[in-house]
Amino acid sequence: MANHKLTPLQELEATKRAAAEAKAHKVPRVFSDEQKAVRKDRVAKAKDALARSVGAKGDHIAGARAALKKYLQNMNEPNQPDDGRFEMLIEAPFKAPPKKRDTGRGF
C-alpha cells in the first residue's frame, strides 16, 4: 500500500469525524453531593479572594489574581489542587512574598 499524505481539507474532515465520534461515546462525569458542595465552596472562596484583592497593591498581586482566575476557568479539569495548595492560592494576594536577603557584599 502506498502511504500518501492527507490534504489539509482531508485532515480537517478527519479531525471533525474523530471529535464527533468521541462526543457520541463520551461518558458524562457524575459528581456526588459532597463533591458539588466542595466545588461550590471553593468557587465562593476564590471569587471572594478576587473581590477583596481588587484594591491591593504590590508586585505579587497580578500573578496571584491571574492564578485565581485560571483556577476558576479550569474548574472542570480533572486535576484540581489539594486543600493545602488551594488555601495557598486563596491567601496569595494578601500575603507579601518574602524579600530577598541582601548579603551586603557589594559585588
Protein backbone atom coordinates (compact mmCIF):
# COMPACT_ATOMS: atom_id res chain seq x y z
CA MET A 1 0.00 0.00 0.00
CA ALA A 2 1.20 3.44 -0.84
CA ASN A 3 1.49 5.82 2.07
CA HIS A 4 0.11 9.18 0.93
CA LYS A 5 -0.15 12.45 2.78
CA LEU A 6 -3.59 13.90 3.55
CA THR A 7 -4.52 17.31 2.26
CA PRO A 8 -5.39 19.99 4.83
CA LEU A 9 -9.08 19.60 3.95
CA GLN A 10 -8.91 15.83 4.46
CA GLU A 11 -7.12 16.33 7.80
CA LEU A 12 -9.83 18.78 8.91
CA GLU A 13 -12.59 16.35 7.96
CA ALA A 14 -10.81 13.51 9.76
CA THR A 15 -10.44 15.55 12.97
CA LYS A 16 -14.10 16.60 12.78
CA ARG A 17 -15.21 12.98 12.38
CA ALA A 18 -12.97 11.87 15.25
CA ALA A 19 -14.31 14.63 17.51
CA ALA A 20 -17.92 13.77 16.66
CA GLU A 21 -17.31 10.09 17.37
CA ALA A 22 -15.60 10.88 20.67
CA LYS A 23 -18.50 13.12 21.67
CA ALA A 24 -21.01 10.40 20.81
CA HIS A 25 -19.23 7.85 23.02
CA LYS A 26 -18.41 10.24 25.86
CA VAL A 27 -19.39 9.14 29.36
CA PRO A 28 -20.61 12.09 31.45
CA ARG A 29 -18.83 12.64 34.74
CA VAL A 30 -21.10 12.39 37.75
CA PHE A 31 -20.27 14.39 40.86
CA SER A 32 -21.55 13.36 44.28
CA ASP A 33 -23.33 15.85 46.51
CA GLU A 34 -20.20 16.11 48.66
CA GLN A 35 -18.03 16.92 45.64
CA LYS A 36 -20.55 19.51 44.46
CA ALA A 37 -20.51 21.17 47.88
CA VAL A 38 -16.70 21.29 47.93
CA ARG A 39 -16.60 22.76 44.41
CA LYS A 40 -19.25 25.35 45.29
CA ASP A 41 -17.37 26.33 48.46
CA ARG A 42 -14.09 26.67 46.58
CA VAL A 43 -15.67 28.83 43.88
CA ALA A 44 -17.16 31.11 46.55
CA LYS A 45 -13.80 31.42 48.33
CA ALA A 46 -11.92 32.11 45.08
CA LYS A 47 -14.42 34.77 43.98
CA ASP A 48 -14.29 36.35 47.44
CA ALA A 49 -10.48 36.49 47.32
CA LEU A 50 -10.62 38.08 43.86
CA ALA A 51 -13.13 40.68 45.03
CA ARG A 52 -11.13 41.56 48.15
CA SER A 53 -7.84 41.82 46.26
CA VAL A 54 -9.06 44.45 43.79
CA GLY A 55 -7.62 47.43 45.66
CA ALA A 56 -4.48 45.71 46.95
CA LYS A 57 -1.10 46.91 45.77
CA GLY A 58 2.12 45.06 45.19
CA ASP A 59 4.05 43.21 42.52
CA HIS A 60 2.72 39.83 43.62
CA ILE A 61 -0.96 40.80 43.28
CA ALA A 62 -1.20 40.45 39.49
CA GLY A 63 0.24 36.94 39.47
CA ALA A 64 -1.92 35.80 42.37
CA ARG A 65 -5.09 37.17 40.76
CA ALA A 66 -4.17 35.51 37.45
CA ALA A 67 -3.71 32.18 39.25
CA LEU A 68 -7.15 32.53 40.88
CA LYS A 69 -8.76 33.35 37.53
CA LYS A 70 -7.06 30.38 35.90
CA TYR A 71 -8.30 28.13 38.70
CA LEU A 72 -11.88 29.31 38.12
CA GLN A 73 -11.56 28.81 34.36
CA ASN A 74 -10.24 25.26 34.78
CA MET A 75 -12.77 24.03 37.35
CA ASN A 76 -13.90 21.19 35.07
CA GLU A 77 -10.41 19.81 34.54
CA PRO A 78 -9.71 16.53 36.33
CA ASN A 79 -6.53 17.70 38.09
CA GLN A 80 -7.51 20.03 40.90
CA PRO A 81 -5.23 21.26 43.71
CA ASP A 82 -5.46 19.62 47.10
CA ASP A 83 -6.76 21.56 50.11
CA GLY A 84 -3.37 22.87 51.23
CA ARG A 85 -2.43 24.18 47.80
CA PHE A 86 -5.88 25.71 47.37
CA GLU A 87 -5.53 27.60 50.67
CA MET A 88 -2.16 28.95 49.50
CA LEU A 89 -3.81 30.05 46.26
CA ILE A 90 -6.54 31.90 48.19
CA GLU A 91 -4.07 33.61 50.54
CA ALA A 92 -1.55 34.58 47.83
CA PRO A 93 -2.94 38.05 47.03
CA PHE A 94 -2.88 39.08 50.69
CA LYS A 95 0.48 37.66 51.70
CA ALA A 96 3.57 39.51 50.52
CA PRO A 97 6.32 37.20 49.27
CA PRO A 98 9.48 37.04 51.39
CA LYS A 99 12.06 39.63 50.46
CA LYS A 100 15.38 38.56 49.04
CA ARG A 101 18.15 38.81 51.55
CA ASP A 102 20.85 41.31 50.76
CA THR A 103 24.24 39.96 51.70
CA GLY A 104 25.83 43.41 51.53
CA ARG A 105 28.90 42.16 49.74
CA GLY A 106 28.68 44.84 47.06
CA PHE A 107 29.51 42.64 44.12
